Amino acid sequence: MSDNSRSAYESAKGRAGTFLTDALGAAVVMIVMLGVMWAVEVVDFTMNGSLDREFGIVGWVPSGLLGIFFAPFLHVGFEHLMANSLPLLILGFLAALRGLGRFFTASLLIIVIGGIGTWFTSPDTVTVGASGLVFGYFGYVLARGIFDRRVLDIVIGIGVAIAYYSILWGLLPNHEGISWQGHLFGLVGGIIAAWLLRRKREVL
């Protein structure tokens, strides 16, 4: 094997190792996140849903702003949580593949932007659930492929668009009891996060 071939092989091996490490980290983080949500829901069930009322986002109520950071981990029953679990696991895993540092920053941006938008547009309403994160990760993964222009990110973005395009119906205010505001501003938060965390290109 020539030096050039050996160097190319070692480089490819290193990239594969990094990808596998990132994938493992992403999987662990999402499993832990979902585990926390399920544990919280068990506690909330034993308390007759009082956590939802106390720590949800309460629109136009100043104290309700605290719910921005808690609401994504609260759900109105196990059925609500089950509906969010699989898409959150898949989209969150794909969002975390490019590194956990960027993922945690993106998650915080999605939670804050989505939460503030929901608070402003949902007067006297208690909003809980991880669907804002689901829409946020959806927007983040799609926009990351556009902004970063990496082949893998573009392929992942196209795959996500094909597999999950139907969730965009959740942006319409046509289902009573479902926060389209949380969906919309979560999506906006994901796109903004992808823009802010995009790969910086060298200026020649």
N, C-alpha and C. Protein backbone atom coordinates (compact mmCIF):
# COMPACT_ATOMS: atom_id res chain seq x y z
N MET A 1 0.84 -1.20 0.00
CA MET A 1 0.00 0.00 0.00
C MET A 1 0.88 1.25 0.00
N SER A 2 0.61 2.20 -0.89
CA SER A 2 1.39 3.43 -0.98
C SER A 2 1.07 4.33 0.19
N ASP A 3 1.95 5.33 0.39
CA ASP A 3 1.74 6.28 1.48
C ASP A 3 0.42 7.03 1.31
N ASN A 4 0.12 7.41 0.05
CA ASN A 4 -1.12 8.13 -0.20
C ASN A 4 -2.34 7.28 0.10
N SER A 5 -2.27 6.00 -0.29
CA SER A 5 -3.39 5.09 -0.04
C SER A 5 -3.56 4.85 1.46
N ARG A 6 -2.43 4.68 2.14
CA ARG A 6 -2.49 4.46 3.58
C ARG A 6 -3.06 5.69 4.29
N SER A 7 -2.65 6.87 3.84
CA SER A 7 -3.16 8.10 4.44
C SER A 7 -4.66 8.25 4.22
N ALA A 8 -5.12 7.93 3.01
CA ALA A 8 -6.55 8.01 2.70
C ALA A 8 -7.34 7.01 3.54
N TYR A 9 -6.77 5.82 3.70
CA TYR A 9 -7.42 4.78 4.50
C TYR A 9 -7.55 5.21 5.96
N GLU A 10 -6.47 5.76 6.51
CA GLU A 10 -6.49 6.19 7.90
C GLU A 10 -7.47 7.34 8.10
N SER A 11 -7.52 8.24 7.10
CA SER A 11 -8.45 9.37 7.18
C SER A 11 -9.90 8.89 7.17
N ALA A 12 -10.20 7.95 6.27
CA ALA A 12 -11.55 7.40 6.19
C ALA A 12 -11.90 6.64 7.47
N LYS A 13 -10.94 5.92 8.00
CA LYS A 13 -11.16 5.17 9.24
C LYS A 13 -11.44 6.11 10.39
N GLY A 14 -10.70 7.23 10.43
CA GLY A 14 -10.92 8.22 11.48
C GLY A 14 -12.29 8.85 11.40
N ARG A 15 -12.73 9.18 10.17
CA ARG A 15 -14.06 9.77 10.00
C ARG A 15 -15.15 8.80 10.40
N ALA A 16 -14.97 7.53 10.04
CA ALA A 16 -15.96 6.51 10.41
C ALA A 16 -16.04 6.36 11.92
N GLY A 17 -14.88 6.38 12.57
CA GLY A 17 -14.85 6.26 14.02
C GLY A 17 -15.53 7.44 14.69
N THR A 18 -15.29 8.64 14.17
CA THR A 18 -15.93 9.84 14.72
C THR A 18 -17.43 9.79 14.53
N PHE A 19 -17.87 9.34 13.36
CA PHE A 19 -19.30 9.25 13.09
C PHE A 19 -19.97 8.26 14.04
N LEU A 20 -19.35 7.11 14.26
CA LEU A 20 -19.93 6.11 15.16
C LEU A 20 -19.99 6.63 16.59
N THR A 21 -18.95 7.36 17.00
CA THR A 21 -18.94 7.94 18.34
C THR A 21 -20.06 8.97 18.49
N ASP A 22 -20.21 9.82 17.47
CA ASP A 22 -21.28 10.83 17.50
C ASP A 22 -22.66 10.16 17.51
N ALA A 23 -22.80 9.09 16.73
CA ALA A 23 -24.09 8.39 16.67
C ALA A 23 -24.43 7.76 18.02
N LEU A 24 -23.43 7.18 18.66
CA LEU A 24 -23.65 6.57 19.98
C LEU A 24 -24.03 7.64 21.00
N GLY A 25 -23.30 8.76 20.98
CA GLY A 25 -23.62 9.84 21.89
C GLY A 25 -25.02 10.38 21.67
N ALA A 26 -25.40 10.54 20.40
CA ALA A 26 -26.73 11.04 20.07
C ALA A 26 -27.82 10.09 20.58
N ALA A 27 -27.60 8.79 20.39
CA ALA A 27 -28.58 7.80 20.84
C ALA A 27 -28.73 7.83 22.36
N VAL A 28 -27.62 7.90 23.07
CA VAL A 28 -27.66 7.91 24.53
C VAL A 28 -28.40 9.15 25.03
N VAL A 29 -28.08 10.31 24.47
CA VAL A 29 -28.72 11.55 24.90
C VAL A 29 -30.23 11.50 24.69
N MET A 30 -30.67 11.00 23.54
CA MET A 30 -32.10 10.97 23.26
C MET A 30 -32.82 9.95 24.14
N ILE A 31 -32.18 8.83 24.41
CA ILE A 31 -32.80 7.83 25.29
C ILE A 31 -32.94 8.39 26.70
N VAL A 32 -31.91 9.10 27.17
CA VAL A 32 -31.98 9.72 28.49
C VAL A 32 -33.07 10.79 28.53
N MET A 33 -33.13 11.62 27.47
CA MET A 33 -34.15 12.67 27.42
C MET A 33 -35.55 12.07 27.48
N LEU A 34 -35.79 11.04 26.69
CA LEU A 34 -37.10 10.40 26.72
C LEU A 34 -37.37 9.73 28.06
N GLY A 35 -36.33 9.15 28.65
CA GLY A 35 -36.48 8.53 29.97
C GLY A 35 -36.92 9.53 31.01
N VAL A 36 -36.34 10.73 30.96
CA VAL A 36 -36.73 11.80 31.88
C VAL A 36 -38.19 12.18 31.67
N MET A 37 -38.60 12.30 30.41
CA MET A 37 -39.99 12.67 30.12
C MET A 37 -40.97 11.63 30.65
N TRP A 38 -40.63 10.36 30.47
CA TRP A 38 -41.52 9.30 30.95
C TRP A 38 -41.55 9.27 32.48
N ALA A 39 -40.39 9.49 33.11
CA ALA A 39 -40.36 9.52 34.58
C ALA A 39 -41.19 10.69 35.11
N VAL A 40 -41.08 11.84 34.47
CA VAL A 40 -41.85 13.01 34.87
C VAL A 40 -43.35 12.75 34.71
N GLU A 41 -43.72 12.08 33.61
CA GLU A 41 -45.13 11.81 33.38
C GLU A 41 -45.69 10.84 34.41
N VAL A 42 -44.89 9.89 34.84
CA VAL A 42 -45.33 8.98 35.91
C VAL A 42 -45.61 9.76 37.18
N VAL A 43 -44.70 10.66 37.53
CA VAL A 43 -44.89 11.49 38.72
C VAL A 43 -46.13 12.37 38.56
N ASP A 44 -46.28 12.97 37.38
CA ASP A 44 -47.42 13.85 37.12
C ASP A 44 -48.74 13.07 37.21
N PHE A 45 -48.73 11.83 36.75
CA PHE A 45 -49.92 10.98 36.82
C PHE A 45 -50.33 10.76 38.28
N THR A 46 -49.36 10.52 39.14
CA THR A 46 -49.67 10.30 40.56
C THR A 46 -50.16 11.57 41.25
N MET A 47 -49.89 12.73 40.62
CA MET A 47 -50.29 14.02 41.19
C MET A 47 -51.49 14.61 40.45
N ASN A 48 -52.18 13.77 39.67
CA ASN A 48 -53.39 14.19 38.95
C ASN A 48 -53.14 15.38 38.01
N GLY A 49 -51.97 15.39 37.38
CA GLY A 49 -51.68 16.41 36.38
C GLY A 49 -51.33 17.77 36.93
N SER A 50 -51.03 17.86 38.21
CA SER A 50 -50.75 19.18 38.80
C SER A 50 -49.46 19.80 38.25
N LEU A 51 -48.50 18.98 37.82
CA LEU A 51 -47.26 19.52 37.26
C LEU A 51 -47.53 20.30 35.98
N ASP A 52 -48.48 19.81 35.18
CA ASP A 52 -48.84 20.51 33.94
C ASP A 52 -49.35 21.91 34.25
N ARG A 53 -50.20 22.01 35.23
CA ARG A 53 -50.81 23.30 35.57
C ARG A 53 -49.80 24.26 36.20
N GLU A 54 -48.88 23.72 36.97
CA GLU A 54 -47.92 24.57 37.69
C GLU A 54 -46.72 24.97 36.84
N PHE A 55 -46.30 24.08 35.93
CA PHE A 55 -45.05 24.32 35.20
C PHE A 55 -45.22 24.38 33.68
N GLY A 56 -46.45 24.43 33.21
CA GLY A 56 -46.67 24.63 31.78
C GLY A 56 -46.48 26.09 31.40
N ILE A 57 -46.45 26.36 30.10
CA ILE A 57 -46.40 27.74 29.61
C ILE A 57 -47.81 28.33 29.70
N VAL A 58 -47.96 29.38 30.51
CA VAL A 58 -49.26 30.03 30.66
C VAL A 58 -49.20 31.36 29.93
N GLY A 59 -49.86 31.45 28.78
CA GLY A 59 -49.78 32.63 27.94
C GLY A 59 -50.23 33.91 28.61
N TRP A 60 -49.44 34.97 28.42
CA TRP A 60 -49.72 36.33 28.89
C TRP A 60 -49.68 36.48 30.41
N VAL A 61 -49.27 35.44 31.09
CA VAL A 61 -49.10 35.51 32.55
C VAL A 61 -47.60 35.51 32.83
N PRO A 62 -47.07 36.59 33.45
CA PRO A 62 -45.62 36.68 33.66
C PRO A 62 -45.00 35.45 34.30
N SER A 63 -45.65 34.90 35.32
CA SER A 63 -45.10 33.71 35.97
C SER A 63 -45.11 32.50 35.04
N GLY A 64 -45.97 32.56 34.00
CA GLY A 64 -46.06 31.46 33.05
C GLY A 64 -44.85 31.34 32.16
N LEU A 65 -43.99 32.39 32.16
CA LEU A 65 -42.77 32.33 31.36
C LEU A 65 -41.80 31.27 31.88
N LEU A 66 -41.89 30.96 33.17
CA LEU A 66 -41.02 29.93 33.72
C LEU A 66 -41.28 28.57 33.07
N GLY A 67 -42.49 28.40 32.59
CA GLY A 67 -42.85 27.13 31.95
C GLY A 67 -42.13 26.88 30.65
N ILE A 68 -41.51 27.90 30.08
CA ILE A 68 -40.79 27.72 28.81
C ILE A 68 -39.77 26.59 28.91
N PHE A 69 -39.10 26.50 30.05
CA PHE A 69 -38.03 25.51 30.20
C PHE A 69 -38.53 24.16 30.72
N PHE A 70 -39.76 24.12 31.25
CA PHE A 70 -40.30 22.88 31.79
C PHE A 70 -41.34 22.22 30.88
N ALA A 71 -42.07 23.04 30.13
CA ALA A 71 -43.18 22.53 29.33
C ALA A 71 -42.80 21.40 28.36
N PRO A 72 -41.61 21.44 27.70
CA PRO A 72 -41.29 20.36 26.76
C PRO A 72 -41.18 18.98 27.42
N PHE A 73 -41.02 18.94 28.74
CA PHE A 73 -40.87 17.67 29.44
C PHE A 73 -42.17 17.22 30.11
N LEU A 74 -43.24 17.97 29.90
CA LEU A 74 -44.54 17.65 30.48
C LEU A 74 -45.53 17.28 29.40
N HIS A 75 -46.46 16.39 29.72
CA HIS A 75 -47.46 15.96 28.73
C HIS A 75 -48.81 15.72 29.40
N VAL A 76 -49.86 15.88 28.61
CA VAL A 76 -51.22 15.67 29.12
C VAL A 76 -51.57 14.19 28.99
N GLY A 77 -50.96 13.37 29.82
CA GLY A 77 -51.24 11.95 29.80
C GLY A 77 -50.24 11.16 28.97
N PHE A 78 -50.28 9.84 29.15
CA PHE A 78 -49.33 8.96 28.46
C PHE A 78 -49.58 8.87 26.96
N GLU A 79 -50.82 9.03 26.55
CA GLU A 79 -51.12 9.00 25.12
C GLU A 79 -50.43 10.16 24.40
N HIS A 80 -50.47 11.32 25.01
CA HIS A 80 -49.80 12.50 24.47
C HIS A 80 -48.30 12.26 24.37
N LEU A 81 -47.72 11.71 25.42
CA LEU A 81 -46.29 11.42 25.43
C LEU A 81 -45.91 10.37 24.40
N MET A 82 -46.72 9.33 24.27
CA MET A 82 -46.42 8.29 23.29
C MET A 82 -46.44 8.83 21.86
N ALA A 83 -47.37 9.76 21.59
CA ALA A 83 -47.45 10.34 20.25
C ALA A 83 -46.19 11.13 19.90
N ASN A 84 -45.54 11.71 20.92
CA ASN A 84 -44.35 12.51 20.67
C ASN A 84 -43.05 11.70 20.72
N SER A 85 -43.08 10.56 21.38
CA SER A 85 -41.84 9.84 21.70
C SER A 85 -41.04 9.40 20.46
N LEU A 86 -41.68 8.71 19.53
CA LEU A 86 -40.93 8.18 18.39
C LEU A 86 -40.38 9.28 17.48
N PRO A 87 -41.20 10.26 17.06
CA PRO A 87 -40.62 11.32 16.23
C PRO A 87 -39.55 12.12 16.95
N LEU A 88 -39.71 12.31 18.26
CA LEU A 88 -38.68 13.02 19.03
C LEU A 88 -37.39 12.23 19.05
N LEU A 89 -37.49 10.93 19.25
CA LEU A 89 -36.31 10.07 19.28
C LEU A 89 -35.57 10.11 17.95
N ILE A 90 -36.30 9.95 16.86
CA ILE A 90 -35.67 9.89 15.53
C ILE A 90 -35.10 11.25 15.12
N LEU A 91 -35.92 12.29 15.21
CA LEU A 91 -35.47 13.61 14.77
C LEU A 91 -34.40 14.17 15.69
N GLY A 92 -34.54 13.92 16.98
CA GLY A 92 -33.52 14.37 17.92
C GLY A 92 -32.19 13.67 17.68
N PHE A 93 -32.24 12.38 17.39
CA PHE A 93 -31.02 11.62 17.09
C PHE A 93 -30.33 12.20 15.86
N LEU A 94 -31.09 12.47 14.81
CA LEU A 94 -30.51 13.03 13.58
C LEU A 94 -29.96 14.44 13.82
N ALA A 95 -30.64 15.21 14.66
CA ALA A 95 -30.17 16.55 14.97
C ALA A 95 -28.87 16.52 15.76
N ALA A 96 -28.67 15.48 16.56
CA ALA A 96 -27.48 15.39 17.42
C ALA A 96 -26.29 14.76 16.73
N LEU A 97 -26.45 14.28 15.51
CA LEU A 97 -25.36 13.57 14.84
C LEU A 97 -24.14 14.44 14.56
N ARG A 98 -24.32 15.75 14.47
CA ARG A 98 -23.22 16.65 14.15
C ARG A 98 -22.49 17.16 15.39
N GLY A 99 -22.73 16.53 16.52
CA GLY A 99 -22.04 16.93 17.75
C GLY A 99 -23.02 17.35 18.82
N LEU A 100 -22.74 16.93 20.05
CA LEU A 100 -23.67 17.20 21.15
C LEU A 100 -23.65 18.67 21.57
N GLY A 101 -22.50 19.34 21.41
CA GLY A 101 -22.44 20.76 21.76
C GLY A 101 -23.41 21.57 20.93
N ARG A 102 -23.38 21.37 19.62
CA ARG A 102 -24.31 22.08 18.73
C ARG A 102 -25.74 21.65 19.01
N PHE A 103 -25.93 20.39 19.33
CA PHE A 103 -27.28 19.88 19.59
C PHE A 103 -27.89 20.54 20.82
N PHE A 104 -27.12 20.63 21.91
CA PHE A 104 -27.65 21.24 23.13
C PHE A 104 -27.94 22.73 22.92
N THR A 105 -27.07 23.40 22.16
CA THR A 105 -27.31 24.81 21.85
C THR A 105 -28.57 24.98 21.00
N ALA A 106 -28.71 24.11 19.99
CA ALA A 106 -29.89 24.15 19.13
C ALA A 106 -31.16 23.87 19.94
N SER A 107 -31.08 22.90 20.85
CA SER A 107 -32.24 22.56 21.68
C SER A 107 -32.65 23.74 22.55
N LEU A 108 -31.66 24.43 23.13
CA LEU A 108 -31.97 25.59 23.97
C LEU A 108 -32.62 26.70 23.15
N LEU A 109 -32.10 26.94 21.95
CA LEU A 109 -32.68 27.96 21.08
C LEU A 109 -34.12 27.61 20.70
N ILE A 110 -34.35 26.35 20.38
CA ILE A 110 -35.70 25.90 20.02
C ILE A 110 -36.66 26.08 21.19
N ILE A 111 -36.21 25.68 22.38
CA ILE A 111 -37.06 25.78 23.57
C ILE A 111 -37.39 27.24 23.88
N VAL A 112 -36.39 28.12 23.82
CA VAL A 112 -36.61 29.52 24.17
C VAL A 112 -37.45 30.24 23.11
N ILE A 113 -37.06 30.11 21.84
CA ILE A 113 -37.81 30.78 20.77
C ILE A 113 -39.22 30.22 20.67
N GLY A 114 -39.34 28.90 20.70
CA GLY A 114 -40.66 28.28 20.63
C GLY A 114 -41.52 28.63 21.83
N GLY A 115 -40.90 28.66 23.01
CA GLY A 115 -41.65 28.97 24.22
C GLY A 115 -42.13 30.40 24.28
N ILE A 116 -41.25 31.33 23.92
CA ILE A 116 -41.64 32.75 23.94
C ILE A 116 -42.73 33.02 22.90
N GLY A 117 -42.57 32.45 21.72
CA GLY A 117 -43.60 32.62 20.69
C GLY A 117 -44.94 32.07 21.13
N THR A 118 -44.91 30.91 21.79
CA THR A 118 -46.15 30.30 22.29
C THR A 118 -46.78 31.17 23.37
N TRP A 119 -45.96 31.69 24.26
CA TRP A 119 -46.45 32.53 25.36
C TRP A 119 -47.15 33.77 24.82
N PHE A 120 -46.57 34.39 23.80
CA PHE A 120 -47.14 35.62 23.24
C PHE A 120 -48.44 35.37 22.48
N THR A 121 -48.59 34.20 21.90
CA THR A 121 -49.73 33.96 21.00
C THR A 121 -50.79 33.03 21.59
N SER A 122 -50.65 32.68 22.87
CA SER A 122 -51.62 31.77 23.50
C SER A 122 -52.13 32.34 24.81
N PRO A 123 -52.90 33.42 24.78
CA PRO A 123 -53.36 34.05 26.01
C PRO A 123 -54.22 33.12 26.86
N ASP A 124 -53.92 33.14 28.17
CA ASP A 124 -54.72 32.37 29.15
C ASP A 124 -54.81 30.89 28.80
N THR A 125 -53.77 30.36 28.18
CA THR A 125 -53.76 28.94 27.80
C THR A 125 -52.53 28.26 28.39
N VAL A 126 -52.71 27.06 28.92
CA VAL A 126 -51.58 26.28 29.43
C VAL A 126 -51.11 25.34 28.33
N THR A 127 -49.84 25.45 27.97
CA THR A 127 -49.28 24.64 26.89
C THR A 127 -48.15 23.76 27.43
N VAL A 128 -48.23 22.47 27.15
CA VAL A 128 -47.16 21.53 27.54
C VAL A 128 -46.93 20.56 26.38
N GLY A 129 -45.81 19.87 26.41
CA GLY A 129 -45.55 18.84 25.41
C GLY A 129 -44.26 19.05 24.65
N ALA A 130 -43.70 17.96 24.15
CA ALA A 130 -42.43 17.99 23.41
C ALA A 130 -42.62 18.22 21.92
N SER A 131 -43.85 18.47 21.47
CA SER A 131 -44.07 18.62 20.04
C SER A 131 -43.35 19.85 19.48
N GLY A 132 -43.15 20.88 20.32
CA GLY A 132 -42.37 22.02 19.87
C GLY A 132 -40.94 21.63 19.54
N LEU A 133 -40.38 20.73 20.35
CA LEU A 133 -39.05 20.20 20.07
C LEU A 133 -39.05 19.35 18.81
N VAL A 134 -40.10 18.56 18.62
CA VAL A 134 -40.21 17.72 17.43
C VAL A 134 -40.17 18.59 16.17
N PHE A 135 -40.99 19.63 16.15
CA PHE A 135 -41.01 20.54 15.01
C PHE A 135 -39.69 21.30 14.89
N GLY A 136 -39.11 21.63 16.03
CA GLY A 136 -37.83 22.33 16.02
C GLY A 136 -36.72 21.49 15.43
N TYR A 137 -36.64 20.23 15.82
CA TYR A 137 -35.62 19.35 15.26
C TYR A 137 -35.87 19.09 13.78
N PHE A 138 -37.14 18.99 13.41
CA PHE A 138 -37.50 18.83 12.00
C PHE A 138 -36.96 20.01 11.19
N GLY A 139 -37.25 21.23 11.65
CA GLY A 139 -36.76 22.41 10.96
C GLY A 139 -35.25 22.52 10.98
N TYR A 140 -34.65 22.14 12.09
CA TYR A 140 -33.19 22.22 12.23
C TYR A 140 -32.49 21.28 11.26
N VAL A 141 -32.96 20.04 11.18
CA VAL A 141 -32.32 19.06 10.29
C VAL A 141 -32.47 19.46 8.83
N LEU A 142 -33.65 19.93 8.46
CA LEU A 142 -33.87 20.37 7.07
C LEU A 142 -32.99 21.58 6.74
N ALA A 143 -33.02 22.59 7.61
CA ALA A 143 -32.29 23.82 7.33
C ALA A 143 -30.78 23.61 7.41
N ARG A 144 -30.33 22.69 8.25
CA ARG A 144 -28.89 22.41 8.36
C ARG A 144 -28.33 21.94 7.03
N GLY A 145 -29.08 21.11 6.32
CA GLY A 145 -28.63 20.65 5.02
C GLY A 145 -28.50 21.79 4.03
N ILE A 146 -29.41 22.77 4.14
CA ILE A 146 -29.38 23.92 3.23
C ILE A 146 -28.22 24.86 3.57
N PHE A 147 -28.04 25.15 4.85
CA PHE A 147 -27.04 26.13 5.27
C PHE A 147 -25.62 25.57 5.27
N ASP A 148 -25.46 24.30 5.70
CA ASP A 148 -24.11 23.73 5.79
C ASP A 148 -23.63 23.15 4.45
N ARG A 149 -24.56 22.69 3.63
CA ARG A 149 -24.25 22.15 2.31
C ARG A 149 -23.29 20.96 2.35
N ARG A 150 -23.39 20.17 3.38
CA ARG A 150 -22.63 18.93 3.45
C ARG A 150 -23.50 17.81 2.88
N VAL A 151 -22.86 16.91 2.17
CA VAL A 151 -23.62 15.86 1.48
C VAL A 151 -24.48 15.07 2.45
N LEU A 152 -23.89 14.64 3.56
CA LEU A 152 -24.63 13.83 4.52
C LEU A 152 -25.82 14.61 5.08
N ASP A 153 -25.61 15.87 5.41
CA ASP A 153 -26.71 16.68 5.96
C ASP A 153 -27.82 16.88 4.93
N ILE A 154 -27.43 17.06 3.67
CA ILE A 154 -28.43 17.23 2.61
C ILE A 154 -29.25 15.95 2.45
N VAL A 155 -28.56 14.80 2.45
CA VAL A 155 -29.25 13.51 2.31
C VAL A 155 -30.20 13.28 3.48
N ILE A 156 -29.72 13.56 4.70
CA ILE A 156 -30.57 13.40 5.89
C ILE A 156 -31.77 14.33 5.81
N GLY A 157 -31.53 15.58 5.40
CA GLY A 157 -32.62 16.54 5.29
C GLY A 157 -33.68 16.10 4.30
N ILE A 158 -33.25 15.58 3.15
CA ILE A 158 -34.20 15.10 2.15
C ILE A 158 -35.00 13.91 2.70
N GLY A 159 -34.31 13.01 3.37
CA GLY A 159 -34.98 11.85 3.95
C GLY A 159 -36.02 12.25 4.99
N VAL A 160 -35.67 13.21 5.83
CA VAL A 160 -36.59 13.70 6.85
C VAL A 160 -37.79 14.39 6.21
N ALA A 161 -37.53 15.19 5.17
CA ALA A 161 -38.63 15.88 4.48
C ALA A 161 -39.62 14.89 3.90
N ILE A 162 -39.11 13.80 3.31
CA ILE A 162 -39.97 12.79 2.72
C ILE A 162 -40.75 12.03 3.78
N ALA A 163 -40.06 11.68 4.88
CA ALA A 163 -40.68 10.84 5.90
C ALA A 163 -41.65 11.61 6.80
N TYR A 164 -41.38 12.90 7.02
CA TYR A 164 -42.16 13.63 8.04
C TYR A 164 -42.86 14.87 7.51
N TYR A 165 -42.97 15.02 6.20
CA TYR A 165 -43.60 16.23 5.66
C TYR A 165 -45.04 16.40 6.17
N SER A 166 -45.69 15.29 6.48
CA SER A 166 -47.10 15.36 6.90
C SER A 166 -47.27 16.07 8.23
N ILE A 167 -46.22 16.18 9.04
CA ILE A 167 -46.41 16.86 10.33
C ILE A 167 -46.66 18.35 10.14
N LEU A 168 -46.36 18.86 8.95
CA LEU A 168 -46.58 20.28 8.70
C LEU A 168 -48.05 20.66 8.81
N TRP A 169 -48.95 19.67 8.71
CA TRP A 169 -50.37 19.97 8.93
C TRP A 169 -50.60 20.46 10.35
N GLY A 170 -49.67 20.12 11.24
CA GLY A 170 -49.79 20.55 12.63
C GLY A 170 -49.55 22.04 12.82
N LEU A 171 -49.16 22.73 11.74
CA LEU A 171 -48.97 24.18 11.82
C LEU A 171 -50.28 24.93 11.65
N LEU A 172 -51.31 24.21 11.24
CA LEU A 172 -52.60 24.84 11.00
C LEU A 172 -53.48 24.77 12.24
N PRO A 173 -54.21 25.84 12.53
CA PRO A 173 -55.08 25.87 13.72
C PRO A 173 -56.40 25.14 13.48
N ASN A 174 -56.31 23.86 13.14
CA ASN A 174 -57.52 23.12 12.79
C ASN A 174 -57.81 21.95 13.73
N HIS A 175 -57.07 21.87 14.85
CA HIS A 175 -57.31 20.79 15.81
C HIS A 175 -57.42 21.39 17.21
N GLU A 176 -58.59 21.29 17.78
CA GLU A 176 -58.80 21.82 19.11
C GLU A 176 -57.94 21.07 20.12
N GLY A 177 -57.31 21.82 21.02
CA GLY A 177 -56.49 21.20 22.06
C GLY A 177 -55.06 20.95 21.66
N ILE A 178 -54.71 21.25 20.41
CA ILE A 178 -53.34 21.07 19.94
C ILE A 178 -52.73 22.45 19.69
N SER A 179 -51.55 22.69 20.24
CA SER A 179 -50.93 24.01 20.14
C SER A 179 -50.19 24.17 18.81
N TRP A 180 -50.91 24.71 17.82
CA TRP A 180 -50.24 24.99 16.55
C TRP A 180 -49.18 26.09 16.74
N GLN A 181 -49.40 26.94 17.76
CA GLN A 181 -48.42 27.99 18.05
C GLN A 181 -47.08 27.37 18.48
N GLY A 182 -47.16 26.35 19.35
CA GLY A 182 -45.95 25.67 19.78
C GLY A 182 -45.24 25.01 18.62
N HIS A 183 -46.02 24.42 17.70
CA HIS A 183 -45.44 23.78 16.52
C HIS A 183 -44.76 24.81 15.63
N LEU A 184 -45.48 25.91 15.36
CA LEU A 184 -44.96 26.94 14.45
C LEU A 184 -43.67 27.56 14.97
N PHE A 185 -43.69 27.99 16.23
CA PHE A 185 -42.52 28.68 16.76
C PHE A 185 -41.39 27.70 17.08
N GLY A 186 -41.71 26.44 17.34
CA GLY A 186 -40.66 25.44 17.46
C GLY A 186 -39.94 25.27 16.14
N LEU A 187 -40.71 25.21 15.04
CA LEU A 187 -40.13 25.10 13.70
C LEU A 187 -39.26 26.32 13.39
N VAL A 188 -39.76 27.49 13.71
CA VAL A 188 -38.98 28.73 13.49
C VAL A 188 -37.69 28.68 14.30
N GLY A 189 -37.80 28.23 15.54
CA GLY A 189 -36.61 28.12 16.39
C GLY A 189 -35.57 27.17 15.81
N GLY A 190 -36.02 26.06 15.23
CA GLY A 190 -35.10 25.11 14.61
C GLY A 190 -34.38 25.69 13.42
N ILE A 191 -35.10 26.44 12.60
CA ILE A 191 -34.49 27.06 11.41
C ILE A 191 -33.48 28.13 11.83
N ILE A 192 -33.85 28.94 12.82
CA ILE A 192 -32.93 29.97 13.32
C ILE A 192 -31.68 29.31 13.92
N ALA A 193 -31.87 28.22 14.66
CA ALA A 193 -30.73 27.51 15.24
C ALA A 193 -29.79 26.99 14.17
N ALA A 194 -30.34 26.45 13.09
CA ALA A 194 -29.52 25.95 11.99
C ALA A 194 -28.72 27.08 11.35
N TRP A 195 -29.33 28.26 11.25
CA TRP A 195 -28.63 29.41 10.66
C TRP A 195 -27.51 29.90 11.57
N LEU A 196 -27.81 30.04 12.87
CA LEU A 196 -26.82 30.54 13.80
C LEU A 196 -25.66 29.56 14.00
N LEU A 197 -25.94 28.25 13.90
CA LEU A 197 -24.92 27.24 14.14
C LEU A 197 -24.34 26.67 12.86
N ARG A 198 -24.61 27.34 11.73
CA ARG A 198 -24.12 26.85 10.45
C ARG A 198 -22.59 26.84 10.42
N ARG A 199 -22.07 26.00 9.55
CA ARG A 199 -20.62 25.90 9.38
C ARG A 199 -20.10 27.18 8.74
N LYS A 200 -19.14 27.80 9.38
CA LYS A 200 -18.55 29.02 8.83
C LYS A 200 -17.57 28.68 7.72
N ARG A 201 -17.70 29.37 6.60
CA ARG A 201 -16.83 29.13 5.46
C ARG A 201 -15.72 30.17 5.41
N GLU A 202 -14.57 29.73 4.98
CA GLU A 202 -13.44 30.66 4.88
C GLU A 202 -13.67 31.64 3.74
N VAL A 203 -13.30 32.89 4.00
CA VAL A 203 -13.39 33.92 2.97
C VAL A 203 -12.03 34.04 2.30
N LEU A 204 -12.00 33.78 1.00
CA LEU A 204 -10.73 33.81 0.27
C LEU A 204 -10.41 35.24 -0.20
